[in-house]
Amino acid sequence: MTDWNDLTWRVSDATYDAWNAHDPDAVAAWFTEDARVRDSTSDQWEIGPGPVRDRAVMLCGGMPDLTLTRQVLVIDGPRHADRWVMEGTHTGELLGIAPTGARVRIEGATFTTIDEDGMVIEDVHHVDYATLFRQLGV
């Protein structure tokens, strides 16, 4: 029987470590080849670790000092939700926006399903884009 609590904490810790090490390959390594990933602002699913890596490259490139801090982790079997805070300085292109030098702090939540090996099979992100764009002066 799978100990979802222990497995989820290990996956979550490793994922946060990868984000904070600015290692897009390590972030993407936790996703299956057929993982479904999307932002809550879109109904379009992206498939596999490639789009996850691309997102990490974009975020870390736009904010090279990015930090991701878990606030809460709620576990329900193979599903979990984590509320997080992302902070960084906008010194590179981010979401098509030229560097502003602005310091940003945004909150969000991610709803994830993992398999029995701890690999992500589904991820849905909820990001406070309104606050991000306000902080960037857009």
Protein backbone atom coordinates (compact mmCIF):
# COMPACT_ATOMS: atom_id res chain seq x y z
CA MET A 1 0.00 0.00 0.00
CA THR A 2 1.29 3.42 -0.97
CA ASP A 3 2.13 5.88 1.80
CA TRP A 4 0.80 8.91 -0.07
CA ASN A 5 1.70 11.29 2.73
CA ASP A 6 5.39 10.38 2.74
CA LEU A 7 5.60 10.13 -1.06
CA THR A 8 3.90 13.50 -1.56
CA TRP A 9 6.21 15.27 0.90
CA ARG A 10 9.27 13.80 -0.86
CA VAL A 11 8.03 14.88 -4.30
CA SER A 12 6.99 18.33 -3.06
CA ASP A 13 10.30 18.94 -1.29
CA ALA A 14 12.29 17.83 -4.34
CA THR A 15 10.22 20.02 -6.64
CA TYR A 16 10.63 23.12 -4.47
CA ASP A 17 14.37 22.39 -4.21
CA ALA A 18 14.59 22.19 -8.00
CA TRP A 19 12.75 25.51 -8.45
CA ASN A 20 14.96 27.22 -5.87
CA ALA A 21 18.09 25.78 -7.51
CA HIS A 22 16.85 27.31 -10.81
CA ASP A 23 17.11 23.88 -12.44
CA PRO A 24 14.39 23.50 -15.12
CA ASP A 25 15.51 19.95 -15.95
CA ALA A 26 15.10 18.88 -12.32
CA VAL A 27 11.66 20.54 -12.15
CA ALA A 28 10.53 18.72 -15.31
CA ALA A 29 12.04 15.39 -14.21
CA TRP A 30 9.06 14.80 -11.88
CA PHE A 31 6.54 14.73 -14.75
CA THR A 32 5.53 11.67 -16.77
CA GLU A 33 5.75 11.73 -20.56
CA ASP A 34 1.95 12.01 -20.74
CA ALA A 35 1.43 14.34 -17.76
CA ARG A 36 -1.35 16.88 -18.29
CA VAL A 37 -0.46 20.42 -17.22
CA ARG A 38 -2.35 23.68 -17.52
CA ASP A 39 -2.77 27.12 -16.05
CA SER A 40 -6.23 27.81 -14.64
CA THR A 41 -6.57 30.74 -17.07
CA SER A 42 -6.62 28.30 -19.99
CA ASP A 43 -8.66 25.25 -20.90
CA GLN A 44 -5.77 23.93 -23.02
CA TRP A 45 -3.70 21.08 -21.58
CA GLU A 46 0.01 20.83 -22.30
CA ILE A 47 1.41 17.32 -22.33
CA GLY A 48 4.65 15.97 -20.88
CA PRO A 49 7.69 17.41 -19.14
CA GLY A 50 8.72 19.66 -22.06
CA PRO A 51 6.19 22.44 -21.35
CA VAL A 52 7.03 22.21 -17.63
CA ARG A 53 10.70 22.72 -18.40
CA ASP A 54 9.87 25.61 -20.77
CA ARG A 55 7.82 27.32 -18.05
CA ALA A 56 10.69 26.93 -15.55
CA VAL A 57 13.17 28.34 -18.09
CA MET A 58 10.88 31.33 -18.70
CA LEU A 59 10.29 32.06 -15.01
CA CYS A 60 13.91 31.59 -13.95
CA GLY A 61 15.10 33.63 -16.93
CA GLY A 62 12.70 36.46 -16.13
CA MET A 63 13.55 36.41 -12.42
CA PRO A 64 17.05 34.93 -11.96
CA ASP A 65 16.77 35.37 -8.18
CA LEU A 66 13.39 33.58 -8.07
CA THR A 67 12.42 31.89 -4.83
CA LEU A 68 9.44 29.61 -4.37
CA THR A 69 8.19 29.06 -0.83
CA ARG A 70 5.54 26.54 0.11
CA GLN A 71 2.95 27.96 2.49
CA VAL A 72 0.59 24.99 2.88
CA LEU A 73 0.47 21.41 1.60
CA VAL A 74 -2.80 19.47 1.78
CA ILE A 75 -2.67 15.77 0.87
CA ASP A 76 -5.59 13.56 -0.17
CA GLY A 77 -4.27 10.22 -1.38
CA PRO A 78 -2.57 10.69 -4.77
CA ARG A 79 -3.84 14.27 -4.97
CA HIS A 80 -2.40 17.27 -3.21
CA ALA A 81 -2.73 21.03 -3.20
CA ASP A 82 -0.03 23.45 -2.26
CA ARG A 83 -0.27 27.17 -1.73
CA TRP A 84 2.94 28.99 -2.51
CA VAL A 85 4.64 32.39 -2.77
CA MET A 86 6.97 33.23 -5.64
CA GLU A 87 9.33 36.18 -5.33
CA GLY A 88 11.99 37.63 -7.55
CA THR A 89 13.36 40.62 -9.40
CA HIS A 90 12.21 41.09 -12.99
CA THR A 91 15.57 41.43 -14.74
CA GLY A 92 14.84 39.28 -17.81
CA GLU A 93 11.97 38.94 -20.27
CA LEU A 94 8.92 37.46 -18.54
CA LEU A 95 5.68 36.54 -20.29
CA GLY A 96 6.75 38.77 -23.19
CA ILE A 97 7.38 41.72 -20.87
CA ALA A 98 10.77 43.44 -21.11
CA PRO A 99 12.74 43.66 -17.85
CA THR A 100 11.45 46.34 -15.47
CA GLY A 101 13.75 45.80 -12.49
CA ALA A 102 10.63 45.49 -10.33
CA ARG A 103 10.65 43.27 -7.29
CA VAL A 104 7.61 40.96 -7.46
CA ARG A 105 5.79 38.79 -4.96
CA ILE A 106 2.89 36.68 -6.13
CA GLU A 107 0.83 33.97 -4.54
CA GLY A 108 -0.63 30.92 -6.17
CA ALA A 109 -1.73 27.35 -5.69
CA THR A 110 -1.08 24.16 -7.56
CA PHE A 111 -3.35 21.12 -7.61
CA THR A 112 -1.43 17.95 -8.43
CA THR A 113 -2.03 14.24 -8.94
CA ILE A 114 0.90 11.82 -8.70
CA ASP A 115 1.22 8.14 -9.50
CA GLU A 116 2.55 5.43 -7.15
CA ASP A 117 6.12 6.21 -8.26
CA GLY A 118 5.74 9.85 -7.21
CA MET A 119 5.61 11.12 -10.78
CA VAL A 120 3.25 13.96 -11.61
CA ILE A 121 0.44 12.92 -13.94
CA GLU A 122 -1.63 16.12 -13.65
CA ASP A 123 -0.92 19.69 -12.54
CA VAL A 124 -3.19 22.75 -12.55
CA HIS A 125 -1.69 26.11 -11.52
CA HIS A 126 -3.63 29.06 -10.14
CA VAL A 127 -1.47 32.18 -10.36
CA ASP A 128 -2.33 35.72 -9.25
CA TYR A 129 -1.50 37.32 -12.59
CA ALA A 130 -3.34 40.55 -11.72
CA THR A 131 -0.91 41.23 -8.89
CA LEU A 132 2.08 40.21 -11.03
CA PHE A 133 1.11 42.55 -13.86
CA ARG A 134 0.36 45.39 -11.43
CA GLN A 135 3.80 44.96 -9.83
CA LEU A 136 5.40 44.99 -13.29
CA GLY A 137 3.51 48.18 -14.20
CA VAL A 138 1.58 46.52 -17.04
